[in-house]
N, C-alpha and C. Protein backbone atom coordinates (compact mmCIF):
# COMPACT_ATOMS: atom_id res chain seq x y z
N MET A 1 -123.23 129.14 45.09
CA MET A 1 -123.41 128.07 46.06
C MET A 1 -122.07 127.62 46.63
N LYS A 2 -121.12 127.41 45.70
CA LYS A 2 -119.79 126.97 46.13
C LYS A 2 -119.13 128.04 46.99
N LYS A 3 -119.31 129.32 46.64
CA LYS A 3 -118.74 130.43 47.40
C LYS A 3 -119.31 130.45 48.81
N THR A 4 -120.63 130.23 48.93
CA THR A 4 -121.28 130.21 50.24
C THR A 4 -120.73 129.09 51.10
N PHE A 5 -120.48 127.94 50.49
CA PHE A 5 -119.94 126.79 51.21
C PHE A 5 -118.59 127.11 51.83
N PHE A 6 -117.72 127.75 51.06
CA PHE A 6 -116.39 128.07 51.57
C PHE A 6 -116.44 129.13 52.67
N ILE A 7 -117.40 130.05 52.58
CA ILE A 7 -117.56 131.05 53.64
C ILE A 7 -117.95 130.37 54.95
N VAL A 8 -118.92 129.45 54.85
CA VAL A 8 -119.36 128.71 56.05
C VAL A 8 -118.22 127.89 56.62
N LEU A 9 -117.45 127.23 55.75
CA LEU A 9 -116.32 126.41 56.17
C LEU A 9 -115.28 127.26 56.90
N TYR A 10 -115.03 128.46 56.38
CA TYR A 10 -114.06 129.37 57.00
C TYR A 10 -114.51 129.76 58.40
N VAL A 11 -115.80 130.05 58.54
CA VAL A 11 -116.33 130.43 59.86
C VAL A 11 -116.17 129.30 60.86
N VAL A 12 -116.49 128.07 60.43
CA VAL A 12 -116.42 126.91 61.32
C VAL A 12 -114.98 126.62 61.75
N LEU A 13 -114.07 126.67 60.78
CA LEU A 13 -112.69 126.26 61.05
C LEU A 13 -111.86 127.34 61.74
N PHE A 14 -112.12 128.59 61.45
CA PHE A 14 -111.26 129.65 61.94
C PHE A 14 -111.91 130.58 62.96
N LEU A 15 -113.10 131.03 62.65
CA LEU A 15 -113.73 131.98 63.56
C LEU A 15 -114.28 131.32 64.80
N ALA A 16 -114.88 130.17 64.70
CA ALA A 16 -115.47 129.50 65.85
C ALA A 16 -114.45 129.16 66.94
N PRO A 17 -113.29 128.57 66.59
CA PRO A 17 -112.30 128.30 67.63
C PRO A 17 -111.85 129.57 68.34
N ASN A 18 -111.65 130.66 67.59
CA ASN A 18 -111.23 131.90 68.22
C ASN A 18 -112.27 132.40 69.20
N SER A 19 -113.55 132.26 68.82
CA SER A 19 -114.63 132.66 69.70
C SER A 19 -114.63 131.82 70.96
N ALA A 20 -114.40 130.51 70.81
CA ALA A 20 -114.38 129.62 71.97
C ALA A 20 -113.24 129.98 72.91
N GLN A 21 -112.07 130.30 72.34
CA GLN A 21 -110.93 130.66 73.17
C GLN A 21 -111.19 131.95 73.93
N ALA A 22 -111.91 132.87 73.30
CA ALA A 22 -112.20 134.14 73.95
C ALA A 22 -113.07 133.94 75.18
N LYS A 23 -113.81 132.83 75.22
CA LYS A 23 -114.67 132.55 76.37
C LYS A 23 -113.92 131.80 77.48
N PHE A 24 -112.65 131.58 77.32
CA PHE A 24 -111.81 131.04 78.40
C PHE A 24 -110.48 131.77 78.35
N PRO A 25 -110.48 133.03 78.77
CA PRO A 25 -109.30 133.89 78.61
C PRO A 25 -108.17 133.53 79.57
N VAL A 26 -107.03 133.20 79.04
CA VAL A 26 -105.88 132.83 79.88
C VAL A 26 -104.71 133.80 79.70
N HIS A 27 -104.82 134.74 78.76
CA HIS A 27 -103.75 135.71 78.51
C HIS A 27 -104.10 137.05 79.16
N LEU A 28 -103.14 137.61 79.88
CA LEU A 28 -103.35 138.93 80.49
C LEU A 28 -102.01 139.60 80.77
N GLY A 29 -101.83 140.78 80.23
CA GLY A 29 -100.65 141.58 80.53
C GLY A 29 -99.32 140.95 80.17
N GLY A 30 -99.32 140.06 79.19
CA GLY A 30 -98.08 139.40 78.80
C GLY A 30 -97.84 138.08 79.52
N PHE A 31 -98.76 137.67 80.40
CA PHE A 31 -98.65 136.40 81.14
C PHE A 31 -99.75 135.45 80.68
N ILE A 32 -99.50 134.15 80.87
CA ILE A 32 -100.47 133.14 80.46
C ILE A 32 -100.73 132.18 81.61
N ILE A 33 -101.99 132.05 82.00
CA ILE A 33 -102.38 131.07 83.01
C ILE A 33 -101.98 129.68 82.54
N GLY A 34 -101.34 128.91 83.43
CA GLY A 34 -100.91 127.55 83.09
C GLY A 34 -99.48 127.45 82.65
N ASP A 35 -98.86 128.57 82.27
CA ASP A 35 -97.44 128.56 81.88
C ASP A 35 -96.54 128.38 83.10
N ASP A 36 -95.32 127.94 82.85
CA ASP A 36 -94.34 127.80 83.93
C ASP A 36 -93.78 129.16 84.30
N ILE A 37 -93.65 129.41 85.58
CA ILE A 37 -93.17 130.70 86.07
C ILE A 37 -91.77 131.01 85.55
N SER A 38 -90.99 129.98 85.24
CA SER A 38 -89.62 130.17 84.77
C SER A 38 -89.56 130.83 83.40
N ASN A 39 -90.68 130.84 82.68
CA ASN A 39 -90.72 131.48 81.37
C ASN A 39 -90.80 133.00 81.45
N TYR A 40 -90.93 133.52 82.68
CA TYR A 40 -91.16 134.96 82.84
C TYR A 40 -90.14 135.63 83.74
N THR A 41 -88.94 135.11 83.75
CA THR A 41 -87.90 135.69 84.60
C THR A 41 -87.54 137.12 84.19
N ASN A 42 -87.86 137.47 82.95
CA ASN A 42 -87.60 138.84 82.49
C ASN A 42 -88.75 139.78 82.84
N LEU A 43 -89.89 139.23 83.28
CA LEU A 43 -91.04 140.04 83.63
C LEU A 43 -91.37 140.03 85.12
N ILE A 44 -90.76 139.09 85.85
CA ILE A 44 -91.02 138.94 87.29
C ILE A 44 -89.71 139.07 88.06
N ASP A 45 -89.74 139.82 89.15
CA ASP A 45 -88.58 139.91 90.04
C ASP A 45 -88.57 138.64 90.88
N MET A 46 -87.82 137.64 90.45
CA MET A 46 -87.84 136.33 91.09
C MET A 46 -87.37 136.38 92.54
N LYS A 47 -86.63 137.41 92.91
CA LYS A 47 -86.17 137.54 94.30
C LYS A 47 -87.33 137.80 95.26
N THR A 48 -88.46 138.25 94.71
CA THR A 48 -89.62 138.57 95.56
C THR A 48 -90.54 137.36 95.73
N CYS A 49 -90.28 136.27 95.04
CA CYS A 49 -91.18 135.11 95.10
C CYS A 49 -91.13 134.45 96.48
N ARG A 50 -92.30 134.26 97.06
CA ARG A 50 -92.40 133.61 98.37
C ARG A 50 -93.79 133.00 98.55
N GLU A 51 -93.88 132.10 99.52
CA GLU A 51 -95.16 131.46 99.81
C GLU A 51 -96.20 132.51 100.20
N VAL A 52 -97.44 132.25 99.81
CA VAL A 52 -98.53 133.14 100.18
C VAL A 52 -98.97 132.83 101.61
N THR A 53 -99.01 133.85 102.45
CA THR A 53 -99.40 133.66 103.84
C THR A 53 -100.77 133.02 103.94
N TYR A 54 -100.88 131.96 104.75
CA TYR A 54 -102.12 131.20 104.97
C TYR A 54 -102.52 130.34 103.77
N ASN A 55 -101.83 130.48 102.67
CA ASN A 55 -102.09 129.64 101.49
C ASN A 55 -100.75 129.10 101.00
N LYS A 56 -100.14 128.23 101.78
CA LYS A 56 -98.78 127.80 101.50
C LYS A 56 -98.66 126.85 100.32
N TYR A 57 -99.76 126.57 99.68
CA TYR A 57 -99.73 125.77 98.46
C TYR A 57 -99.50 126.63 97.24
N LEU A 58 -99.43 127.98 97.45
CA LEU A 58 -99.15 128.92 96.37
C LEU A 58 -97.96 129.80 96.74
N ALA A 59 -97.30 130.32 95.72
CA ALA A 59 -96.26 131.33 95.90
C ALA A 59 -96.57 132.49 94.96
N GLU A 60 -96.07 133.67 95.31
CA GLU A 60 -96.31 134.86 94.49
C GLU A 60 -95.02 135.62 94.27
N GLY A 61 -94.94 136.26 93.12
CA GLY A 61 -93.81 137.12 92.81
C GLY A 61 -94.29 138.42 92.21
N GLU A 62 -93.55 139.50 92.46
CA GLU A 62 -93.91 140.82 91.94
C GLU A 62 -93.41 140.99 90.52
N ILE A 63 -94.20 141.65 89.69
CA ILE A 63 -93.81 141.87 88.30
C ILE A 63 -92.93 143.11 88.18
N TYR A 64 -92.16 143.15 87.11
CA TYR A 64 -91.57 144.41 86.67
C TYR A 64 -92.65 145.10 85.86
N PRO A 65 -93.14 146.25 86.29
CA PRO A 65 -94.29 146.88 85.61
C PRO A 65 -94.05 147.08 84.12
N GLY A 66 -95.00 146.61 83.33
CA GLY A 66 -94.95 146.80 81.89
C GLY A 66 -95.77 147.99 81.48
N PRO A 67 -95.83 148.28 80.19
CA PRO A 67 -96.59 149.44 79.70
C PRO A 67 -98.05 149.39 80.14
N GLY A 68 -98.50 150.46 80.79
CA GLY A 68 -99.89 150.55 81.21
C GLY A 68 -100.20 149.97 82.57
N PHE A 69 -99.23 149.29 83.18
CA PHE A 69 -99.45 148.68 84.49
C PHE A 69 -98.52 149.31 85.54
N LYS A 70 -99.02 149.41 86.76
CA LYS A 70 -98.25 150.01 87.85
C LYS A 70 -97.59 148.95 88.73
N THR A 71 -98.36 147.94 89.12
CA THR A 71 -97.85 146.84 89.96
C THR A 71 -98.55 145.55 89.55
N GLY A 72 -98.07 144.44 90.11
CA GLY A 72 -98.73 143.17 89.82
C GLY A 72 -98.11 142.02 90.59
N LEU A 73 -98.89 140.99 90.81
CA LEU A 73 -98.44 139.78 91.49
C LEU A 73 -98.85 138.57 90.66
N ILE A 74 -97.91 137.66 90.47
CA ILE A 74 -98.18 136.42 89.72
C ILE A 74 -98.06 135.26 90.70
N ALA A 75 -99.14 134.48 90.82
CA ALA A 75 -99.15 133.34 91.74
C ALA A 75 -99.01 132.03 90.97
N TYR A 76 -98.30 131.08 91.58
CA TYR A 76 -98.11 129.78 90.94
C TYR A 76 -98.18 128.67 91.98
N GLY A 77 -98.49 127.47 91.51
CA GLY A 77 -98.67 126.34 92.40
C GLY A 77 -97.37 125.79 92.95
N LEU A 78 -97.48 125.12 94.10
CA LEU A 78 -96.30 124.52 94.73
C LEU A 78 -96.46 123.03 94.99
N CYS A 79 -97.60 122.45 94.61
CA CYS A 79 -97.84 121.06 94.98
C CYS A 79 -98.35 120.22 93.81
N ASP A 80 -99.57 120.43 93.36
CA ASP A 80 -100.16 119.60 92.31
C ASP A 80 -99.47 119.81 90.98
N ARG A 81 -99.30 121.06 90.58
CA ARG A 81 -98.58 121.40 89.35
C ARG A 81 -97.56 122.48 89.70
N PRO A 82 -96.43 122.09 90.26
CA PRO A 82 -95.45 123.06 90.74
C PRO A 82 -95.01 124.04 89.64
N ASN A 83 -94.97 125.31 90.03
CA ASN A 83 -94.45 126.40 89.20
C ASN A 83 -95.36 126.80 88.03
N LYS A 84 -96.57 126.27 87.98
CA LYS A 84 -97.51 126.66 86.92
C LYS A 84 -98.38 127.83 87.41
N ILE A 85 -98.48 128.84 86.59
CA ILE A 85 -99.20 130.05 86.98
C ILE A 85 -100.71 129.76 87.14
N VAL A 86 -101.25 130.19 88.28
CA VAL A 86 -102.68 129.98 88.55
C VAL A 86 -103.44 131.30 88.75
N ARG A 87 -102.71 132.39 88.96
CA ARG A 87 -103.39 133.66 89.18
C ARG A 87 -102.53 134.84 88.72
N ILE A 88 -103.19 135.80 88.08
CA ILE A 88 -102.54 137.03 87.62
C ILE A 88 -103.30 138.21 88.22
N LYS A 89 -102.62 139.02 89.02
CA LYS A 89 -103.24 140.21 89.60
C LYS A 89 -102.42 141.43 89.16
N LEU A 90 -103.08 142.35 88.47
CA LEU A 90 -102.39 143.52 87.93
C LEU A 90 -103.15 144.79 88.27
N LYS A 91 -102.40 145.86 88.54
CA LYS A 91 -103.00 147.17 88.76
C LYS A 91 -102.61 148.08 87.60
N TYR A 92 -103.61 148.73 87.01
CA TYR A 92 -103.37 149.60 85.87
C TYR A 92 -102.75 150.93 86.29
N GLN A 93 -101.95 151.48 85.40
CA GLN A 93 -101.27 152.75 85.68
C GLN A 93 -102.27 153.89 85.85
N ASP A 94 -103.27 153.92 84.99
CA ASP A 94 -104.29 154.97 85.03
C ASP A 94 -105.32 154.61 86.09
N SER A 95 -105.43 155.42 87.13
CA SER A 95 -106.33 155.11 88.24
C SER A 95 -107.66 155.86 88.15
N SER A 96 -107.91 156.55 87.04
CA SER A 96 -109.10 157.38 86.92
C SER A 96 -110.35 156.54 86.66
N LYS A 97 -111.49 157.08 87.07
CA LYS A 97 -112.79 156.43 86.83
C LYS A 97 -113.08 156.41 85.33
N LYS A 98 -112.65 157.45 84.62
CA LYS A 98 -112.86 157.53 83.18
C LYS A 98 -112.19 156.36 82.47
N PHE A 99 -110.96 156.06 82.87
CA PHE A 99 -110.24 154.94 82.27
C PHE A 99 -110.96 153.62 82.59
N PHE A 100 -111.41 153.47 83.83
CA PHE A 100 -112.11 152.25 84.22
C PHE A 100 -113.35 152.03 83.36
N ASN A 101 -114.12 153.08 83.14
CA ASN A 101 -115.34 152.96 82.34
C ASN A 101 -115.02 152.53 80.90
N LYS A 102 -113.96 153.10 80.33
CA LYS A 102 -113.55 152.70 78.98
C LYS A 102 -113.09 151.25 78.96
N LEU A 103 -112.34 150.87 79.99
CA LEU A 103 -111.82 149.51 80.08
C LEU A 103 -112.96 148.51 80.23
N LEU A 104 -113.94 148.84 81.06
CA LEU A 104 -115.09 147.96 81.27
C LEU A 104 -115.84 147.73 79.96
N LYS A 105 -115.97 148.76 79.14
CA LYS A 105 -116.64 148.60 77.84
C LYS A 105 -115.88 147.62 76.96
N GLN A 106 -114.55 147.70 76.98
CA GLN A 106 -113.73 146.79 76.17
C GLN A 106 -113.83 145.36 76.69
N TYR A 107 -113.89 145.21 78.02
CA TYR A 107 -114.06 143.87 78.61
C TYR A 107 -115.38 143.26 78.13
N LYS A 108 -116.44 144.05 78.21
CA LYS A 108 -117.77 143.55 77.79
C LYS A 108 -117.79 143.22 76.31
N LYS A 109 -117.11 144.03 75.52
CA LYS A 109 -117.07 143.82 74.08
C LYS A 109 -116.41 142.49 73.75
N ARG A 110 -115.35 142.14 74.46
CA ARG A 110 -114.62 140.91 74.18
C ARG A 110 -115.19 139.71 74.91
N LEU A 111 -115.63 139.87 76.14
CA LEU A 111 -116.00 138.74 76.99
C LEU A 111 -117.48 138.63 77.30
N GLY A 112 -118.27 139.63 76.87
CA GLY A 112 -119.68 139.62 77.20
C GLY A 112 -119.93 140.30 78.54
N ASP A 113 -121.18 140.35 78.93
CA ASP A 113 -121.54 140.99 80.19
C ASP A 113 -121.02 140.18 81.37
N PRO A 114 -120.67 140.85 82.47
CA PRO A 114 -120.22 140.13 83.68
C PRO A 114 -121.32 139.24 84.22
N ASP A 115 -120.92 138.24 85.01
CA ASP A 115 -121.88 137.31 85.60
C ASP A 115 -122.45 137.84 86.92
N GLU A 116 -121.68 138.66 87.61
CA GLU A 116 -122.19 139.19 88.88
C GLU A 116 -121.44 140.44 89.31
N TYR A 117 -122.12 141.24 90.13
CA TYR A 117 -121.51 142.44 90.70
C TYR A 117 -120.98 142.11 92.08
N LYS A 118 -119.70 142.41 92.34
CA LYS A 118 -119.06 142.07 93.60
C LYS A 118 -118.67 143.29 94.43
N GLY A 119 -119.00 144.48 93.94
CA GLY A 119 -118.64 145.69 94.68
C GLY A 119 -119.66 146.01 95.75
N ASP A 120 -119.52 147.18 96.37
CA ASP A 120 -120.47 147.58 97.41
C ASP A 120 -121.64 148.33 96.78
N PRO A 121 -122.76 148.41 97.49
CA PRO A 121 -123.97 149.04 96.93
C PRO A 121 -123.78 150.51 96.56
N PHE A 122 -122.88 151.20 97.26
CA PHE A 122 -122.67 152.62 97.02
C PHE A 122 -121.64 152.88 95.92
N GLN A 123 -121.04 151.79 95.44
CA GLN A 123 -120.07 151.84 94.34
C GLN A 123 -118.85 152.71 94.68
N THR A 124 -118.45 152.71 95.96
CA THR A 124 -117.14 153.27 96.29
C THR A 124 -116.06 152.29 95.82
N VAL A 125 -116.40 151.00 95.90
CA VAL A 125 -115.59 149.96 95.27
C VAL A 125 -116.49 149.26 94.25
N ILE A 126 -116.14 149.39 92.97
CA ILE A 126 -116.89 148.76 91.89
C ILE A 126 -116.13 147.52 91.45
N ALA A 127 -116.79 146.38 91.46
CA ALA A 127 -116.13 145.14 91.05
C ALA A 127 -117.10 144.27 90.25
N TRP A 128 -116.69 143.91 89.05
CA TRP A 128 -117.48 143.04 88.18
C TRP A 128 -116.74 141.72 87.99
N LYS A 129 -117.50 140.64 88.05
CA LYS A 129 -116.88 139.31 87.97
C LYS A 129 -117.46 138.51 86.81
N TRP A 130 -116.55 137.87 86.06
CA TRP A 130 -116.91 136.92 85.01
C TRP A 130 -116.48 135.53 85.46
N SER A 131 -117.23 134.52 85.05
CA SER A 131 -116.87 133.13 85.35
C SER A 131 -116.87 132.33 84.06
N PHE A 132 -115.85 131.49 83.90
CA PHE A 132 -115.70 130.71 82.66
C PHE A 132 -115.39 129.25 83.00
N SER A 133 -115.72 128.38 82.08
CA SER A 133 -115.34 126.97 82.19
C SER A 133 -115.06 126.44 80.80
N ASN A 134 -114.30 125.34 80.73
CA ASN A 134 -114.00 124.75 79.42
C ASN A 134 -114.27 123.26 79.42
N GLN A 135 -113.95 122.60 78.33
CA GLN A 135 -114.25 121.17 78.18
C GLN A 135 -113.39 120.30 79.08
N LYS A 136 -112.32 120.86 79.65
CA LYS A 136 -111.47 120.11 80.57
C LYS A 136 -111.96 120.22 82.01
N ASN A 137 -113.14 120.83 82.18
CA ASN A 137 -113.72 121.07 83.50
C ASN A 137 -112.86 122.02 84.34
N GLU A 138 -112.10 122.85 83.65
CA GLU A 138 -111.35 123.89 84.35
C GLU A 138 -112.27 125.09 84.55
N ARG A 139 -112.10 125.78 85.68
CA ARG A 139 -112.91 126.95 85.97
C ARG A 139 -112.00 128.17 86.18
N LEU A 140 -112.44 129.27 85.62
CA LEU A 140 -111.64 130.48 85.63
C LEU A 140 -112.52 131.64 86.10
N SER A 141 -111.98 132.49 86.97
CA SER A 141 -112.72 133.68 87.39
C SER A 141 -111.92 134.92 87.02
N LEU A 142 -112.64 135.97 86.66
CA LEU A 142 -112.04 137.23 86.26
C LEU A 142 -112.77 138.37 86.96
N THR A 143 -112.03 139.20 87.68
CA THR A 143 -112.64 140.33 88.39
C THR A 143 -111.94 141.62 88.00
N LEU A 144 -112.74 142.58 87.57
CA LEU A 144 -112.25 143.91 87.25
C LEU A 144 -112.80 144.86 88.30
N GLN A 145 -111.89 145.57 88.99
CA GLN A 145 -112.29 146.38 90.14
C GLN A 145 -111.77 147.81 90.05
N HIS A 146 -112.59 148.75 90.49
CA HIS A 146 -112.17 150.14 90.61
C HIS A 146 -112.49 150.62 92.02
N ASN A 147 -111.48 151.18 92.67
CA ASN A 147 -111.65 151.68 94.04
C ASN A 147 -111.17 153.12 94.09
N ALA A 148 -112.05 154.00 94.49
CA ALA A 148 -111.71 155.42 94.53
C ALA A 148 -111.54 155.94 95.95
N LEU A 149 -112.11 155.22 96.95
CA LEU A 149 -112.17 155.80 98.30
C LEU A 149 -111.67 154.91 99.42
N VAL A 150 -111.84 153.60 99.29
CA VAL A 150 -111.52 152.71 100.41
C VAL A 150 -110.02 152.51 100.52
N GLU A 151 -109.43 153.06 101.58
CA GLU A 151 -107.98 153.13 101.68
C GLU A 151 -107.32 151.80 102.00
N ASP A 152 -108.06 150.87 102.63
CA ASP A 152 -107.43 149.58 102.94
C ASP A 152 -107.45 148.62 101.76
N LYS A 153 -107.96 149.10 100.63
CA LYS A 153 -107.86 148.37 99.37
C LYS A 153 -107.04 149.20 98.40
N LYS A 154 -106.54 148.57 97.34
CA LYS A 154 -105.71 149.30 96.39
C LYS A 154 -106.55 150.33 95.65
N ILE A 155 -106.12 151.60 95.75
CA ILE A 155 -106.80 152.67 95.05
C ILE A 155 -106.53 152.54 93.55
N GLY A 156 -107.56 152.76 92.74
CA GLY A 156 -107.39 152.69 91.30
C GLY A 156 -108.08 151.48 90.70
N THR A 157 -107.63 151.07 89.53
CA THR A 157 -108.25 149.97 88.79
C THR A 157 -107.32 148.76 88.74
N ALA A 158 -107.87 147.60 89.08
CA ALA A 158 -107.08 146.38 89.11
C ALA A 158 -107.88 145.24 88.50
N VAL A 159 -107.15 144.22 88.04
CA VAL A 159 -107.79 143.04 87.46
C VAL A 159 -107.16 141.80 88.08
N LYS A 160 -108.00 140.79 88.31
CA LYS A 160 -107.52 139.51 88.86
C LYS A 160 -108.09 138.37 88.02
N LEU A 161 -107.20 137.56 87.47
CA LEU A 161 -107.58 136.40 86.66
C LEU A 161 -107.07 135.15 87.38
N THR A 162 -107.99 134.25 87.76
CA THR A 162 -107.63 133.10 88.58
C THR A 162 -108.16 131.80 88.01
N LEU A 163 -107.29 130.81 87.89
CA LEU A 163 -107.72 129.47 87.50
C LEU A 163 -108.17 128.78 88.79
N THR A 164 -109.42 129.00 89.16
CA THR A 164 -109.91 128.57 90.47
C THR A 164 -109.88 127.06 90.65
N SER A 165 -110.15 126.32 89.60
CA SER A 165 -110.13 124.86 89.70
C SER A 165 -108.74 124.34 90.06
N GLN A 166 -107.68 124.98 89.53
CA GLN A 166 -106.34 124.54 89.83
C GLN A 166 -105.90 124.99 91.22
N VAL A 167 -106.36 126.16 91.66
CA VAL A 167 -106.07 126.61 93.02
C VAL A 167 -106.64 125.60 94.02
N GLU A 168 -107.83 125.10 93.74
CA GLU A 168 -108.44 124.09 94.61
C GLU A 168 -107.62 122.80 94.62
N LYS A 169 -107.08 122.41 93.46
CA LYS A 169 -106.25 121.21 93.38
C LYS A 169 -104.95 121.40 94.15
N GLU A 170 -104.39 122.60 94.07
CA GLU A 170 -103.15 122.89 94.82
C GLU A 170 -103.41 122.77 96.32
N ARG A 171 -104.53 123.29 96.76
CA ARG A 171 -104.87 123.23 98.18
C ARG A 171 -105.09 121.78 98.62
N ALA A 172 -105.83 121.00 97.82
CA ALA A 172 -106.09 119.61 98.15
C ALA A 172 -104.80 118.80 98.22
N CYS A 173 -103.90 119.06 97.29
CA CYS A 173 -102.59 118.38 97.28
C CYS A 173 -101.80 118.71 98.53
N PHE A 174 -101.79 119.98 98.89
CA PHE A 174 -101.06 120.44 100.08
C PHE A 174 -101.64 119.80 101.34
N MET A 175 -102.96 119.79 101.47
CA MET A 175 -103.60 119.24 102.66
C MET A 175 -103.37 117.73 102.78
N ALA A 176 -103.30 117.04 101.63
CA ALA A 176 -103.07 115.60 101.63
C ALA A 176 -101.67 115.25 102.11
N LYS A 177 -100.71 116.12 101.84
CA LYS A 177 -99.32 115.87 102.22
C LYS A 177 -98.97 116.45 103.58
N LYS A 178 -99.82 117.32 104.08
CA LYS A 178 -99.53 118.02 105.33
C LYS A 178 -99.62 117.05 106.51
N PRO A 179 -98.57 117.00 107.36
CA PRO A 179 -98.62 116.14 108.56
C PRO A 179 -99.77 116.56 109.46
N ASN A 180 -100.50 115.59 109.99
CA ASN A 180 -101.64 115.88 110.84
C ASN A 180 -101.19 116.02 112.29
N LYS A 181 -100.59 117.17 112.57
CA LYS A 181 -100.08 117.43 113.91
C LYS A 181 -101.05 118.32 114.66
N ASP A 182 -101.17 118.04 115.93
CA ASP A 182 -102.02 118.89 116.76
C ASP A 182 -101.30 120.21 116.98
N LYS A 183 -101.94 121.28 116.59
CA LYS A 183 -101.34 122.59 116.77
C LYS A 183 -101.59 123.09 118.18
N LYS A 184 -100.58 123.72 118.74
CA LYS A 184 -100.74 124.30 120.06
C LYS A 184 -101.64 125.52 119.95
N SER A 185 -102.51 125.65 120.90
CA SER A 185 -103.45 126.76 120.87
C SER A 185 -103.58 127.36 122.25
N HIS A 186 -103.83 128.64 122.26
CA HIS A 186 -104.05 129.33 123.54
C HIS A 186 -105.53 129.32 123.92
N SER A 187 -106.36 128.75 123.05
CA SER A 187 -107.80 128.85 123.27
C SER A 187 -108.25 128.14 124.53
N GLY A 188 -107.48 127.12 124.98
CA GLY A 188 -107.87 126.38 126.17
C GLY A 188 -107.44 127.04 127.46
N LYS A 189 -106.57 128.02 127.35
CA LYS A 189 -106.08 128.68 128.56
C LYS A 189 -107.11 129.66 129.10
N ALA A 190 -107.19 129.70 130.40
CA ALA A 190 -108.13 130.64 131.02
C ALA A 190 -107.61 132.06 130.86
N VAL A 191 -108.51 132.96 130.55
CA VAL A 191 -108.15 134.36 130.42
C VAL A 191 -108.27 135.02 131.79
N SER A 192 -107.27 135.81 132.11
CA SER A 192 -107.25 136.44 133.43
C SER A 192 -108.39 137.43 133.60
N LYS A 193 -108.56 137.90 134.81
CA LYS A 193 -109.64 138.86 135.08
C LYS A 193 -109.37 140.20 134.39
N ASN A 194 -108.12 140.40 133.94
CA ASN A 194 -107.78 141.62 133.20
C ASN A 194 -107.83 141.39 131.69
N MET A 195 -108.80 140.54 131.29
CA MET A 195 -108.85 140.15 129.87
C MET A 195 -109.09 141.33 128.95
N TRP A 196 -109.77 142.35 129.41
CA TRP A 196 -110.04 143.50 128.53
C TRP A 196 -108.75 144.21 128.16
N GLU A 197 -107.78 144.20 129.04
CA GLU A 197 -106.47 144.80 128.71
C GLU A 197 -105.75 143.95 127.69
N PHE A 198 -106.06 142.65 127.69
CA PHE A 198 -105.45 141.73 126.75
C PHE A 198 -106.11 141.86 125.37
N PHE A 199 -107.40 142.16 125.36
CA PHE A 199 -108.17 142.21 124.12
C PHE A 199 -108.10 143.55 123.42
N ILE A 200 -107.91 144.63 124.18
CA ILE A 200 -108.05 145.97 123.65
C ILE A 200 -106.71 146.71 123.70
N PRO A 201 -106.32 147.38 122.60
CA PRO A 201 -105.04 148.09 122.61
C PRO A 201 -105.05 149.24 123.63
N TYR A 202 -103.87 149.50 124.21
CA TYR A 202 -103.74 150.60 125.18
C TYR A 202 -102.37 151.22 125.10
């Protein structure tokens, strides 16, 4: 009886927290969501860090490829929580479909089945998405993708881990501080009778 009690106690104190943490994965490829970008100067080429086009509340830097990875981008906030990592995007060295299938099995083994399929119906681009939340009302999305044919996307296998709730906070912070200036636009200008030459390359 006493032995059974200690086994149950061990499961509650040690195994249960680990299981809970596994359902909100923040570690990937040697990086941790929420950490300060300055902690990774040995893993990120800081000279490449710059604002993300159209998303100026975030900045991104290129990684120095580690074992098993070919390229990667680490994004961090610039407003609500400056310099805190909010997104990890990595491309695996092995671009084969065989590797992707093995990797997907390991993902499912650790994280459970994906929540939705985000690829195309013909599976030229295969993408599986997981969604997580925790007691702090933080939301996290994870997408594992394999692309074998579509050239305007990265060929091979890639993973993207995003703290979506914090990305939204970064955007809200940026918009709140952004001066409300009227932007100049060409939309009000009349288009000439030769508009097709303006619209179509020649």
